[in-house]
Amino acid sequence: MDKTKKPLCRLRAGRGAQNPKAGKNLLRQNTHISAPCQSAEAQRGRILSWLRRDSLTTLEARRALDVMHPAARVMELRRQGHPIETVWTDELSDAGGWHRVARYILRGEVAA
């Protein structure tokens, strides 16, 4: 690996990850190694890339894109001029409960 290249994103270990006796935090620290970049810019990029192919629900963004607060990223994309529509829908969570969630739909591209 070329050491002159900077990483695309720096990841931080979770709170308390310095304590190896904290099992949950140690697991969290180990999972950060292969986690995608969590900067807001990177999250917006993942959402926009997905929306260019298909619609996206809140739960899909959390599961597939590792974006825990997709509404904030969508709001930021709208402020950048992307015409994203919200349609409310009911979706079954991984835990088996029904939730009213947003489905985001990109209606066109921003003119460059």
PDB file of N, CA and C in Angstrom:
ATOM      1  N   MET A   1       0.846  -1.184   0.000  1.00  0.00           N
ATOM      2  CA  MET A   1       0.000   0.000   0.000  1.00  0.00           C
ATOM      3  C   MET A   1       0.882   1.235   0.000  1.00  0.00           C
ATOM      4  N   ASP A   2       0.547   2.221  -0.797  1.00  0.00           N
ATOM      5  CA  ASP A   2       1.299   3.452  -0.910  1.00  0.00           C
ATOM      6  C   ASP A   2       1.049   4.311   0.328  1.00  0.00           C
ATOM      7  N   LYS A   3       2.111   4.566   1.107  1.00  0.00           N
ATOM      8  CA  LYS A   3       1.960   5.312   2.354  1.00  0.00           C
ATOM      9  C   LYS A   3       1.801   6.805   2.121  1.00  0.00           C
ATOM     10  N   THR A   4       2.012   7.287   0.897  1.00  0.00           N
ATOM     11  CA  THR A   4       1.864   8.711   0.613  1.00  0.00           C
ATOM     12  C   THR A   4       0.411   9.102   0.421  1.00  0.00           C
ATOM     13  N   LYS A   5      -0.447   8.139   0.159  1.00  0.00           N
ATOM     14  CA  LYS A   5      -1.869   8.427  -0.034  1.00  0.00           C
ATOM     15  C   LYS A   5      -2.559   8.554   1.310  1.00  0.00           C
ATOM     16  N   LYS A   6      -3.397   9.573   1.443  1.00  0.00           N
ATOM     17  CA  LYS A   6      -4.168   9.753   2.666  1.00  0.00           C
ATOM     18  C   LYS A   6      -5.418   8.881   2.606  1.00  0.00           C
ATOM     19  N   PRO A   7      -5.880   8.367   3.751  1.00  0.00           N
ATOM     20  CA  PRO A   7      -7.122   7.591   3.741  1.00  0.00           C
ATOM     21  C   PRO A   7      -8.296   8.498   3.371  1.00  0.00           C
ATOM     22  N   LEU A   8      -9.286   7.927   2.730  1.00  0.00           N
ATOM     23  CA  LEU A   8     -10.456   8.700   2.337  1.00  0.00           C
ATOM     24  C   LEU A   8     -11.230   9.214   3.540  1.00  0.00           C
ATOM     25  N   CYS A   9     -11.191   8.469   4.602  1.00  0.00           N
ATOM     26  CA  CYS A   9     -11.930   8.859   5.790  1.00  0.00           C
ATOM     27  C   CYS A   9     -11.264   8.238   7.001  1.00  0.00           C
ATOM     28  N   ARG A  10     -11.164   8.981   8.057  1.00  0.00           N
ATOM     29  CA  ARG A  10     -10.605   8.446   9.292  1.00  0.00           C
ATOM     30  C   ARG A  10     -11.746   8.000  10.185  1.00  0.00           C
ATOM     31  N   LEU A  11     -11.624   6.815  10.725  1.00  0.00           N
ATOM     32  CA  LEU A  11     -12.665   6.273  11.593  1.00  0.00           C
ATOM     33  C   LEU A  11     -12.198   6.323  13.028  1.00  0.00           C
ATOM     34  N   ARG A  12     -13.107   6.641  13.930  1.00  0.00           N
ATOM     35  CA  ARG A  12     -12.791   6.685  15.350  1.00  0.00           C
ATOM     36  C   ARG A  12     -13.378   5.477  16.032  1.00  0.00           C
ATOM     37  N   ALA A  13     -12.691   4.994  17.029  1.00  0.00           N
ATOM     38  CA  ALA A  13     -13.239   3.911  17.836  1.00  0.00           C
ATOM     39  C   ALA A  13     -14.365   4.472  18.689  1.00  0.00           C
ATOM     40  N   GLY A  14     -15.322   3.618  19.040  1.00  0.00           N
ATOM     41  CA  GLY A  14     -16.450   4.050  19.856  1.00  0.00           C
ATOM     42  C   GLY A  14     -16.032   4.453  21.252  1.00  0.00           C
ATOM     43  N   ARG A  15     -16.908   5.160  21.956  1.00  0.00           N
ATOM     44  CA  ARG A  15     -16.646   5.601  23.315  1.00  0.00           C
ATOM     45  C   ARG A  15     -16.301   4.402  24.197  1.00  0.00           C
ATOM     46  N   GLY A  16     -15.227   4.519  24.941  1.00  0.00           N
ATOM     47  CA  GLY A  16     -14.828   3.450  25.844  1.00  0.00           C
ATOM     48  C   GLY A  16     -14.086   2.309  25.169  1.00  0.00           C
ATOM     49  N   ALA A  17     -13.777   2.448  23.903  1.00  0.00           N
ATOM     50  CA  ALA A  17     -13.131   1.351  23.184  1.00  0.00           C
ATOM     51  C   ALA A  17     -11.702   1.120  23.653  1.00  0.00           C
ATOM     52  N   GLN A  18     -11.119   2.078  24.384  1.00  0.00           N
ATOM     53  CA  GLN A  18      -9.765   1.902  24.878  1.00  0.00           C
ATOM     54  C   GLN A  18      -9.711   0.820  25.952  1.00  0.00           C
ATOM     55  N   ASN A  19     -10.819   0.536  26.597  1.00  0.00           N
ATOM     56  CA  ASN A  19     -10.869  -0.434  27.683  1.00  0.00           C
ATOM     57  C   ASN A  19     -11.132  -1.825  27.104  1.00  0.00           C
ATOM     58  N   PRO A  20     -10.109  -2.692  27.050  1.00  0.00           N
ATOM     59  CA  PRO A  20     -10.316  -4.013  26.448  1.00  0.00           C
ATOM     60  C   PRO A  20     -11.273  -4.899  27.235  1.00  0.00           C
ATOM     61  N   LYS A  21     -11.576  -4.531  28.495  1.00  0.00           N
ATOM     62  CA  LYS A  21     -12.497  -5.337  29.294  1.00  0.00           C
ATOM     63  C   LYS A  21     -13.954  -5.055  28.932  1.00  0.00           C
ATOM     64  N   ALA A  22     -14.188  -3.975  28.213  1.00  0.00           N
ATOM     65  CA  ALA A  22     -15.555  -3.615  27.828  1.00  0.00           C
ATOM     66  C   ALA A  22     -15.900  -4.363  26.542  1.00  0.00           C
ATOM     67  N   GLY A  23     -16.491  -5.537  26.672  1.00  0.00           N
ATOM     68  CA  GLY A  23     -16.745  -6.421  25.539  1.00  0.00           C
ATOM     69  C   GLY A  23     -17.498  -5.785  24.389  1.00  0.00           C
ATOM     70  N   LYS A  24     -18.589  -5.086  24.694  1.00  0.00           N
ATOM     71  CA  LYS A  24     -19.398  -4.476  23.640  1.00  0.00           C
ATOM     72  C   LYS A  24     -18.591  -3.406  22.908  1.00  0.00           C
ATOM     73  N   ASN A  25     -17.848  -2.601  23.658  1.00  0.00           N
ATOM     74  CA  ASN A  25     -17.051  -1.554  23.033  1.00  0.00           C
ATOM     75  C   ASN A  25     -15.895  -2.135  22.227  1.00  0.00           C
ATOM     76  N   LEU A  26     -15.327  -3.250  22.688  1.00  0.00           N
ATOM     77  CA  LEU A  26     -14.263  -3.899  21.946  1.00  0.00           C
ATOM     78  C   LEU A  26     -14.807  -4.408  20.616  1.00  0.00           C
ATOM     79  N   LEU A  27     -15.992  -4.989  20.633  1.00  0.00           N
ATOM     80  CA  LEU A  27     -16.619  -5.435  19.392  1.00  0.00           C
ATOM     81  C   LEU A  27     -16.853  -4.243  18.472  1.00  0.00           C
ATOM     82  N   ARG A  28     -17.357  -3.139  19.035  1.00  0.00           N
ATOM     83  CA  ARG A  28     -17.602  -1.939  18.238  1.00  0.00           C
ATOM     84  C   ARG A  28     -16.293  -1.461  17.617  1.00  0.00           C
ATOM     85  N   GLN A  29     -15.208  -1.469  18.395  1.00  0.00           N
ATOM     86  CA  GLN A  29     -13.914  -1.026  17.889  1.00  0.00           C
ATOM     87  C   GLN A  29     -13.462  -1.909  16.735  1.00  0.00           C
ATOM     88  N   ASN A  30     -13.612  -3.219  16.874  1.00  0.00           N
ATOM     89  CA  ASN A  30     -13.187  -4.136  15.819  1.00  0.00           C
ATOM     90  C   ASN A  30     -14.020  -3.997  14.558  1.00  0.00           C
ATOM     91  N   THR A  31     -15.291  -3.666  14.672  1.00  0.00           N
ATOM     92  CA  THR A  31     -16.129  -3.538  13.486  1.00  0.00           C
ATOM     93  C   THR A  31     -15.841  -2.248  12.743  1.00  0.00           C
ATOM     94  N   HIS A  32     -15.223  -1.274  13.384  1.00  0.00           N
ATOM     95  CA  HIS A  32     -14.874  -0.025  12.705  1.00  0.00           C
ATOM     96  C   HIS A  32     -13.802  -0.225  11.644  1.00  0.00           C
ATOM     97  N   ILE A  33     -13.042  -1.291  11.746  1.00  0.00           N
ATOM     98  CA  ILE A  33     -11.939  -1.514  10.824  1.00  0.00           C
ATOM     99  C   ILE A  33     -12.435  -1.598   9.384  1.00  0.00           C
ATOM    100  N   SER A  34     -13.522  -2.298   9.152  1.00  0.00           N
ATOM    101  CA  SER A  34     -14.016  -2.470   7.789  1.00  0.00           C
ATOM    102  C   SER A  34     -15.259  -1.620   7.500  1.00  0.00           C
ATOM    103  N   ALA A  35     -15.599  -0.717   8.394  1.00  0.00           N
ATOM    104  CA  ALA A  35     -16.798   0.104   8.219  1.00  0.00           C
ATOM    105  C   ALA A  35     -16.566   1.142   7.124  1.00  0.00           C
ATOM    106  N   PRO A  36     -17.636   1.514   6.410  1.00  0.00           N
ATOM    107  CA  PRO A  36     -17.499   2.570   5.397  1.00  0.00           C
ATOM    108  C   PRO A  36     -17.274   3.915   6.074  1.00  0.00           C
ATOM    109  N   CYS A  37     -16.792   4.852   5.319  1.00  0.00           N
ATOM    110  CA  CYS A  37     -16.552   6.196   5.836  1.00  0.00           C
ATOM    111  C   CYS A  37     -17.863   6.777   6.367  1.00  0.00           C
ATOM    112  N   GLN A  38     -17.819   7.394   7.538  1.00  0.00           N
ATOM    113  CA  GLN A  38     -19.034   7.897   8.157  1.00  0.00           C
ATOM    114  C   GLN A  38     -19.158   9.416   8.127  1.00  0.00           C
ATOM    115  N   SER A  39     -18.345  10.098   7.341  1.00  0.00           N
ATOM    116  CA  SER A  39     -18.508  11.544   7.234  1.00  0.00           C
ATOM    117  C   SER A  39     -19.868  11.833   6.592  1.00  0.00           C
ATOM    118  N   ALA A  40     -20.415  12.992   6.890  1.00  0.00           N
ATOM    119  CA  ALA A  40     -21.702  13.369   6.296  1.00  0.00           C
ATOM    120  C   ALA A  40     -21.606  13.392   4.774  1.00  0.00           C
ATOM    121  N   GLU A  41     -20.466  13.861   4.259  1.00  0.00           N
ATOM    122  CA  GLU A  41     -20.268  13.911   2.814  1.00  0.00           C
ATOM    123  C   GLU A  41     -20.314  12.511   2.196  1.00  0.00           C
ATOM    124  N   ALA A  42     -19.651  11.557   2.832  1.00  0.00           N
ATOM    125  CA  ALA A  42     -19.646  10.176   2.330  1.00  0.00           C
ATOM    126  C   ALA A  42     -21.044   9.571   2.400  1.00  0.00           C
ATOM    127  N   GLN A  43     -21.761   9.844   3.480  1.00  0.00           N
ATOM    128  CA  GLN A  43     -23.124   9.326   3.617  1.00  0.00           C
ATOM    129  C   GLN A  43     -24.034   9.924   2.551  1.00  0.00           C
ATOM    130  N   ARG A  44     -23.916  11.224   2.301  1.00  0.00           N
ATOM    131  CA  ARG A  44     -24.717  11.843   1.227  1.00  0.00           C
ATOM    132  C   ARG A  44     -24.393  11.202  -0.114  1.00  0.00           C
ATOM    133  N   GLY A  45     -23.112  10.915  -0.354  1.00  0.00           N
ATOM    134  CA  GLY A  45     -22.711  10.283  -1.608  1.00  0.00           C
ATOM    135  C   GLY A  45     -23.320   8.908  -1.781  1.00  0.00           C
ATOM    136  N   ARG A  46     -23.335   8.111  -0.707  1.00  0.00           N
ATOM    137  CA  ARG A  46     -23.927   6.766  -0.783  1.00  0.00           C
ATOM    138  C   ARG A  46     -25.426   6.852  -1.053  1.00  0.00           C
ATOM    139  N   ILE A  47     -26.102   7.784  -0.368  1.00  0.00           N
ATOM    140  CA  ILE A  47     -27.547   7.941  -0.564  1.00  0.00           C
ATOM    141  C   ILE A  47     -27.836   8.386  -1.993  1.00  0.00           C
ATOM    142  N   LEU A  48     -27.112   9.386  -2.476  1.00  0.00           N
ATOM    143  CA  LEU A  48     -27.360   9.902  -3.824  1.00  0.00           C
ATOM    144  C   LEU A  48     -27.090   8.836  -4.879  1.00  0.00           C
ATOM    145  N   SER A  49     -26.032   8.074  -4.697  1.00  0.00           N
ATOM    146  CA  SER A  49     -25.718   6.991  -5.635  1.00  0.00           C
ATOM    147  C   SER A  49     -26.859   5.975  -5.686  1.00  0.00           C
ATOM    148  N   TRP A  50     -27.396   5.618  -4.527  1.00  0.00           N
ATOM    149  CA  TRP A  50     -28.518   4.666  -4.456  1.00  0.00           C
ATOM    150  C   TRP A  50     -29.748   5.264  -5.140  1.00  0.00           C
ATOM    151  N   LEU A  51     -30.051   6.532  -4.827  1.00  0.00           N
ATOM    152  CA  LEU A  51     -31.252   7.165  -5.365  1.00  0.00           C
ATOM    153  C   LEU A  51     -31.206   7.323  -6.882  1.00  0.00           C
ATOM    154  N   ARG A  52     -30.034   7.361  -7.446  1.00  0.00           N
ATOM    155  CA  ARG A  52     -29.920   7.443  -8.907  1.00  0.00           C
ATOM    156  C   ARG A  52     -30.341   6.142  -9.577  1.00  0.00           C
ATOM    157  N   ARG A  53     -30.385   5.050  -8.790  1.00  0.00           N
ATOM    158  CA  ARG A  53     -30.799   3.738  -9.309  1.00  0.00           C
ATOM    159  C   ARG A  53     -32.195   3.334  -8.872  1.00  0.00           C
ATOM    160  N   ASP A  54     -32.587   3.721  -7.627  1.00  0.00           N
ATOM    161  CA  ASP A  54     -33.831   3.206  -7.047  1.00  0.00           C
ATOM    162  C   ASP A  54     -34.254   4.109  -5.897  1.00  0.00           C
ATOM    163  N   SER A  55     -35.473   3.921  -5.426  1.00  0.00           N
ATOM    164  CA  SER A  55     -35.921   4.639  -4.236  1.00  0.00           C
ATOM    165  C   SER A  55     -35.257   4.019  -3.006  1.00  0.00           C
ATOM    166  N   LEU A  56     -35.336   4.719  -1.882  1.00  0.00           N
ATOM    167  CA  LEU A  56     -34.640   4.284  -0.673  1.00  0.00           C
ATOM    168  C   LEU A  56     -35.488   4.599   0.547  1.00  0.00           C
ATOM    169  N   THR A  57     -35.699   3.615   1.417  1.00  0.00           N
ATOM    170  CA  THR A  57     -36.426   3.866   2.666  1.00  0.00           C
ATOM    171  C   THR A  57     -35.423   4.142   3.793  1.00  0.00           C
ATOM    172  N   THR A  58     -35.947   4.679   4.876  1.00  0.00           N
ATOM    173  CA  THR A  58     -35.127   4.936   6.060  1.00  0.00           C
ATOM    174  C   THR A  58     -34.455   3.658   6.529  1.00  0.00           C
ATOM    175  N   LEU A  59     -35.211   2.572   6.614  1.00  0.00           N
ATOM    176  CA  LEU A  59     -34.646   1.312   7.095  1.00  0.00           C
ATOM    177  C   LEU A  59     -33.606   0.754   6.126  1.00  0.00           C
ATOM    178  N   GLU A  60     -33.825   0.891   4.829  1.00  0.00           N
ATOM    179  CA  GLU A  60     -32.827   0.442   3.848  1.00  0.00           C
ATOM    180  C   GLU A  60     -31.532   1.242   3.985  1.00  0.00           C
ATOM    181  N   ALA A  61     -31.658   2.548   4.206  1.00  0.00           N
ATOM    182  CA  ALA A  61     -30.467   3.390   4.368  1.00  0.00           C
ATOM    183  C   ALA A  61     -29.662   2.953   5.581  1.00  0.00           C
ATOM    184  N   ARG A  62     -30.366   2.592   6.648  1.00  0.00           N
ATOM    185  CA  ARG A  62     -29.669   2.148   7.851  1.00  0.00           C
ATOM    186  C   ARG A  62     -29.009   0.798   7.646  1.00  0.00           C
ATOM    187  N   ARG A  63     -29.732  -0.132   7.033  1.00  0.00           N
ATOM    188  CA  ARG A  63     -29.210  -1.492   6.840  1.00  0.00           C
ATOM    189  C   ARG A  63     -28.121  -1.553   5.775  1.00  0.00           C
ATOM    190  N   ALA A  64     -28.426  -1.051   4.595  1.00  0.00           N
ATOM    191  CA  ALA A  64     -27.554  -1.254   3.435  1.00  0.00           C
ATOM    192  C   ALA A  64     -26.461  -0.196   3.307  1.00  0.00           C
ATOM    193  N   LEU A  65     -26.729   1.025   3.767  1.00  0.00           N
ATOM    194  CA  LEU A  65     -25.767   2.101   3.560  1.00  0.00           C
ATOM    195  C   LEU A  65     -25.081   2.550   4.839  1.00  0.00           C
ATOM    196  N   ASP A  66     -25.503   2.008   5.975  1.00  0.00           N
ATOM    197  CA  ASP A  66     -24.930   2.364   7.270  1.00  0.00           C
ATOM    198  C   ASP A  66     -25.064   3.857   7.550  1.00  0.00           C
ATOM    199  N   VAL A  67     -26.232   4.408   7.230  1.00  0.00           N
ATOM    200  CA  VAL A  67     -26.553   5.801   7.521  1.00  0.00           C
ATOM    201  C   VAL A  67     -27.646   5.777   8.587  1.00  0.00           C
ATOM    202  N   MET A  68     -27.302   6.167   9.799  1.00  0.00           N
ATOM    203  CA  MET A  68     -28.232   6.034  10.913  1.00  0.00           C
ATOM    204  C   MET A  68     -29.292   7.126  10.958  1.00  0.00           C
ATOM    205  N   HIS A  69     -29.031   8.286  10.358  1.00  0.00           N
ATOM    206  CA  HIS A  69     -30.025   9.367  10.343  1.00  0.00           C
ATOM    207  C   HIS A  69     -30.187   9.871   8.909  1.00  0.00           C
ATOM    208  N   PRO A  70     -30.812   9.040   8.069  1.00  0.00           N
ATOM    209  CA  PRO A  70     -30.921   9.395   6.653  1.00  0.00           C
ATOM    210  C   PRO A  70     -31.704  10.678   6.394  1.00  0.00           C
ATOM    211  N   ALA A  71     -32.659  11.021   7.262  1.00  0.00           N
ATOM    212  CA  ALA A  71     -33.442  12.241   7.044  1.00  0.00           C
ATOM    213  C   ALA A  71     -32.546  13.475   7.013  1.00  0.00           C
ATOM    214  N   ALA A  72     -31.545  13.513   7.865  1.00  0.00           N
ATOM    215  CA  ALA A  72     -30.625  14.653   7.889  1.00  0.00           C
ATOM    216  C   ALA A  72     -29.824  14.737   6.598  1.00  0.00           C
ATOM    217  N   ARG A  73     -29.337  13.584   6.113  1.00  0.00           N
ATOM    218  CA  ARG A  73     -28.558  13.585   4.877  1.00  0.00           C
ATOM    219  C   ARG A  73     -29.426  13.967   3.686  1.00  0.00           C
ATOM    220  N   VAL A  74     -30.678  13.501   3.662  1.00  0.00           N
ATOM    221  CA  VAL A  74     -31.597  13.857   2.574  1.00  0.00           C
ATOM    222  C   VAL A  74     -31.891  15.354   2.607  1.00  0.00           C
ATOM    223  N   MET A  75     -32.077  15.908   3.804  1.00  0.00           N
ATOM    224  CA  MET A  75     -32.300  17.351   3.925  1.00  0.00           C
ATOM    225  C   MET A  75     -31.105  18.125   3.349  1.00  0.00           C
ATOM    226  N   GLU A  76     -29.902  17.674   3.647  1.00  0.00           N
ATOM    227  CA  GLU A  76     -28.701  18.335   3.122  1.00  0.00           C
ATOM    228  C   GLU A  76     -28.633  18.223   1.602  1.00  0.00           C
ATOM    229  N   LEU A  77     -29.001  17.058   1.062  1.00  0.00           N
ATOM    230  CA  LEU A  77     -29.024  16.890  -0.393  1.00  0.00           C
ATOM    231  C   LEU A  77     -30.059  17.814  -1.035  1.00  0.00           C
ATOM    232  N   ARG A  78     -31.188  17.976  -0.392  1.00  0.00           N
ATOM    233  CA  ARG A  78     -32.203  18.903  -0.913  1.00  0.00           C
ATOM    234  C   ARG A  78     -31.681  20.330  -0.928  1.00  0.00           C
ATOM    235  N   ARG A  79     -30.965  20.712   0.119  1.00  0.00           N
ATOM    236  CA  ARG A  79     -30.381  22.059   0.188  1.00  0.00           C
ATOM    237  C   ARG A  79     -29.332  22.275  -0.898  1.00  0.00           C
ATOM    238  N   GLN A  80     -28.730  21.182  -1.378  1.00  0.00           N
ATOM    239  CA  GLN A  80     -27.775  21.260  -2.483  1.00  0.00           C
ATOM    240  C   GLN A  80     -28.493  21.323  -3.834  1.00  0.00           C
ATOM    241  N   GLY A  81     -29.823  21.179  -3.816  1.00  0.00           N
ATOM    242  CA  GLY A  81     -30.605  21.308  -5.034  1.00  0.00           C
ATOM    243  C   GLY A  81     -31.129  20.016  -5.630  1.00  0.00           C
ATOM    244  N   HIS A  82     -30.916  18.897  -4.979  1.00  0.00           N
ATOM    245  CA  HIS A  82     -31.416  17.625  -5.498  1.00  0.00           C
ATOM    246  C   HIS A  82     -32.910  17.490  -5.198  1.00  0.00           C
ATOM    247  N   PRO A  83     -33.729  17.270  -6.232  1.00  0.00           N
ATOM    248  CA  PRO A  83     -35.179  17.155  -6.037  1.00  0.00           C
ATOM    249  C   PRO A  83     -35.575  15.767  -5.509  1.00  0.00           C
ATOM    250  N   ILE A  84     -35.578  15.638  -4.202  1.00  0.00           N
ATOM    251  CA  ILE A  84     -35.893  14.360  -3.566  1.00  0.00           C
ATOM    252  C   ILE A  84     -37.270  14.462  -2.933  1.00  0.00           C
ATOM    253  N   GLU A  85     -38.128  13.542  -3.309  1.00  0.00           N
ATOM    254  CA  GLU A  85     -39.502  13.499  -2.793  1.00  0.00           C
ATOM    255  C   GLU A  85     -39.588  12.466  -1.672  1.00  0.00           C
ATOM    256  N   THR A  86     -40.424  12.741  -0.681  1.00  0.00           N
ATOM    257  CA  THR A  86     -40.676  11.798   0.409  1.00  0.00           C
ATOM    258  C   THR A  86     -42.079  11.239   0.279  1.00  0.00           C
ATOM    259  N   VAL A  87     -42.191   9.925   0.306  1.00  0.00           N
ATOM    260  CA  VAL A  87     -43.472   9.231   0.316  1.00  0.00           C
ATOM    261  C   VAL A  87     -43.488   8.374   1.573  1.00  0.00           C
ATOM    262  N   TRP A  88     -44.536   8.483   2.365  1.00  0.00           N
ATOM    263  CA  TRP A  88     -44.614   7.705   3.604  1.00  0.00           C
ATOM    264  C   TRP A  88     -45.155   6.318   3.322  1.00  0.00           C
ATOM    265  N   THR A  89     -44.522   5.329   3.935  1.00  0.00           N
ATOM    266  CA  THR A  89     -44.899   3.940   3.710  1.00  0.00           C
ATOM    267  C   THR A  89     -44.726   3.154   5.005  1.00  0.00           C
ATOM    268  N   ASP A  90     -45.339   1.977   5.081  1.00  0.00           N
ATOM    269  CA  ASP A  90     -45.171   1.092   6.235  1.00  0.00           C
ATOM    270  C   ASP A  90     -44.205  -0.016   5.839  1.00  0.00           C
ATOM    271  N   GLU A  91     -43.247  -0.291   6.728  1.00  0.00           N
ATOM    272  CA  GLU A  91     -42.242  -1.308   6.431  1.00  0.00           C
ATOM    273  C   GLU A  91     -41.975  -2.144   7.677  1.00  0.00           C
ATOM    274  N   LEU A  92     -41.725  -3.419   7.461  1.00  0.00           N
ATOM    275  CA  LEU A  92     -41.439  -4.349   8.545  1.00  0.00           C
ATOM    276  C   LEU A  92     -39.957  -4.248   8.916  1.00  0.00           C
ATOM    277  N   SER A  93     -39.666  -4.045  10.200  1.00  0.00           N
ATOM    278  CA  SER A  93     -38.276  -3.950  10.651  1.00  0.00           C
ATOM    279  C   SER A  93     -37.679  -5.342  10.825  1.00  0.00           C
ATOM    280  N   ASP A  94     -36.368  -5.395  11.055  1.00  0.00           N
ATOM    281  CA  ASP A  94     -35.694  -6.667  11.294  1.00  0.00           C
ATOM    282  C   ASP A  94     -36.214  -7.346  12.557  1.00  0.00           C
ATOM    283  N   ALA A  95     -36.699  -6.543  13.504  1.00  0.00           N
ATOM    284  CA  ALA A  95     -37.222  -7.079  14.767  1.00  0.00           C
ATOM    285  C   ALA A  95     -38.669  -7.554  14.636  1.00  0.00           C
ATOM    286  N   GLY A  96     -39.278  -7.354  13.470  1.00  0.00           N
ATOM    287  CA  GLY A  96     -40.625  -7.859  13.230  1.00  0.00           C
ATOM    288  C   GLY A  96     -41.745  -6.866  13.477  1.00  0.00           C
ATOM    289  N   GLY A  97     -41.406  -5.613  13.756  1.00  0.00           N
ATOM    290  CA  GLY A  97     -42.443  -4.605  13.986  1.00  0.00           C
ATOM    291  C   GLY A  97     -42.668  -3.755  12.752  1.00  0.00           C
ATOM    292  N   TRP A  98     -43.903  -3.280  12.603  1.00  0.00           N
ATOM    293  CA  TRP A  98     -44.247  -2.397  11.491  1.00  0.00           C
ATOM    294  C   TRP A  98     -43.957  -0.968  11.887  1.00  0.00           C
ATOM    295  N   HIS A  99     -43.359  -0.216  10.958  1.00  0.00           N
ATOM    296  CA  HIS A  99     -43.021   1.183  11.210  1.00  0.00           C
ATOM    297  C   HIS A  99     -43.414   2.029  10.009  1.00  0.00           C
ATOM    298  N   ARG A 100     -43.873   3.237  10.287  1.00  0.00           N
ATOM    299  CA  ARG A 100     -44.132   4.207   9.228  1.00  0.00           C
ATOM    300  C   ARG A 100     -42.796   4.874   8.927  1.00  0.00           C
ATOM    301  N   VAL A 101     -42.299   4.673   7.720  1.00  0.00           N
ATOM    302  CA  VAL A 101     -40.983   5.189   7.355  1.00  0.00           C
ATOM    303  C   VAL A 101     -41.063   5.990   6.060  1.00  0.00           C
ATOM    304  N   ALA A 102     -40.072   6.825   5.876  1.00  0.00           N
ATOM    305  CA  ALA A 102     -39.993   7.619   4.648  1.00  0.00           C
ATOM    306  C   ALA A 102     -39.379   6.784   3.533  1.00  0.00           C
ATOM    307  N   ARG A 103     -39.920   6.952   2.329  1.00  0.00           N
ATOM    308  CA  ARG A 103     -39.302   6.398   1.123  1.00  0.00           C
ATOM    309  C   ARG A 103     -38.901   7.614   0.300  1.00  0.00           C
ATOM    310  N   TYR A 104     -37.611   7.702  -0.008  1.00  0.00           N
ATOM    311  CA  TYR A 104     -37.077   8.842  -0.746  1.00  0.00           C
ATOM    312  C   TYR A 104     -36.938   8.484  -2.212  1.00  0.00           C
ATOM    313  N   ILE A 105     -37.351   9.423  -3.078  1.00  0.00           N
ATOM    314  CA  ILE A 105     -37.333   9.214  -4.527  1.00  0.00           C
ATOM    315  C   ILE A 105     -36.673  10.426  -5.170  1.00  0.00           C
ATOM    316  N   LEU A 106     -35.645  10.192  -5.963  1.00  0.00           N
ATOM    317  CA  LEU A 106     -34.976  11.261  -6.686  1.00  0.00           C
ATOM    318  C   LEU A 106     -35.746  11.522  -7.975  1.00  0.00           C
ATOM    319  N   ARG A 107     -36.226  12.735  -8.157  1.00  0.00           N
ATOM    320  CA  ARG A 107     -37.058  13.062  -9.315  1.00  0.00           C
ATOM    321  C   ARG A 107     -36.311  13.653 -10.499  1.00  0.00           C
ATOM    322  N   GLY A 108     -35.055  13.864 -10.376  1.00  0.00           N
ATOM    323  CA  GLY A 108     -34.259  14.419 -11.478  1.00  0.00           C
ATOM    324  C   GLY A 108     -32.876  14.765 -10.979  1.00  0.00           C
ATOM    325  N   GLU A 109     -32.038  15.211 -11.866  1.00  0.00           N
ATOM    326  CA  GLU A 109     -30.660  15.546 -11.499  1.00  0.00           C
ATOM    327  C   GLU A 109     -30.494  17.051 -11.410  1.00  0.00           C
ATOM    328  N   VAL A 110     -29.495  17.443 -10.641  1.00  0.00           N
ATOM    329  CA  VAL A 110     -29.145  18.850 -10.529  1.00  0.00           C
ATOM    330  C   VAL A 110     -28.370  19.236 -11.787  1.00  0.00           C
ATOM    331  N   ALA A 111     -28.725  20.372 -12.386  1.00  0.00           N
ATOM    332  CA  ALA A 111     -28.000  20.841 -13.559  1.00  0.00           C
ATOM    333  C   ALA A 111     -26.620  21.321 -13.135  1.00  0.00           C
ATOM    334  N   ALA A 112     -25.602  20.871 -13.846  1.00  0.00           N
ATOM    335  CA  ALA A 112     -24.218  21.240 -13.470  1.00  0.00           C
ATOM    336  C   ALA A 112     -23.829  22.583 -14.004  1.00  0.00           C
TER     337      ALA A 112
END
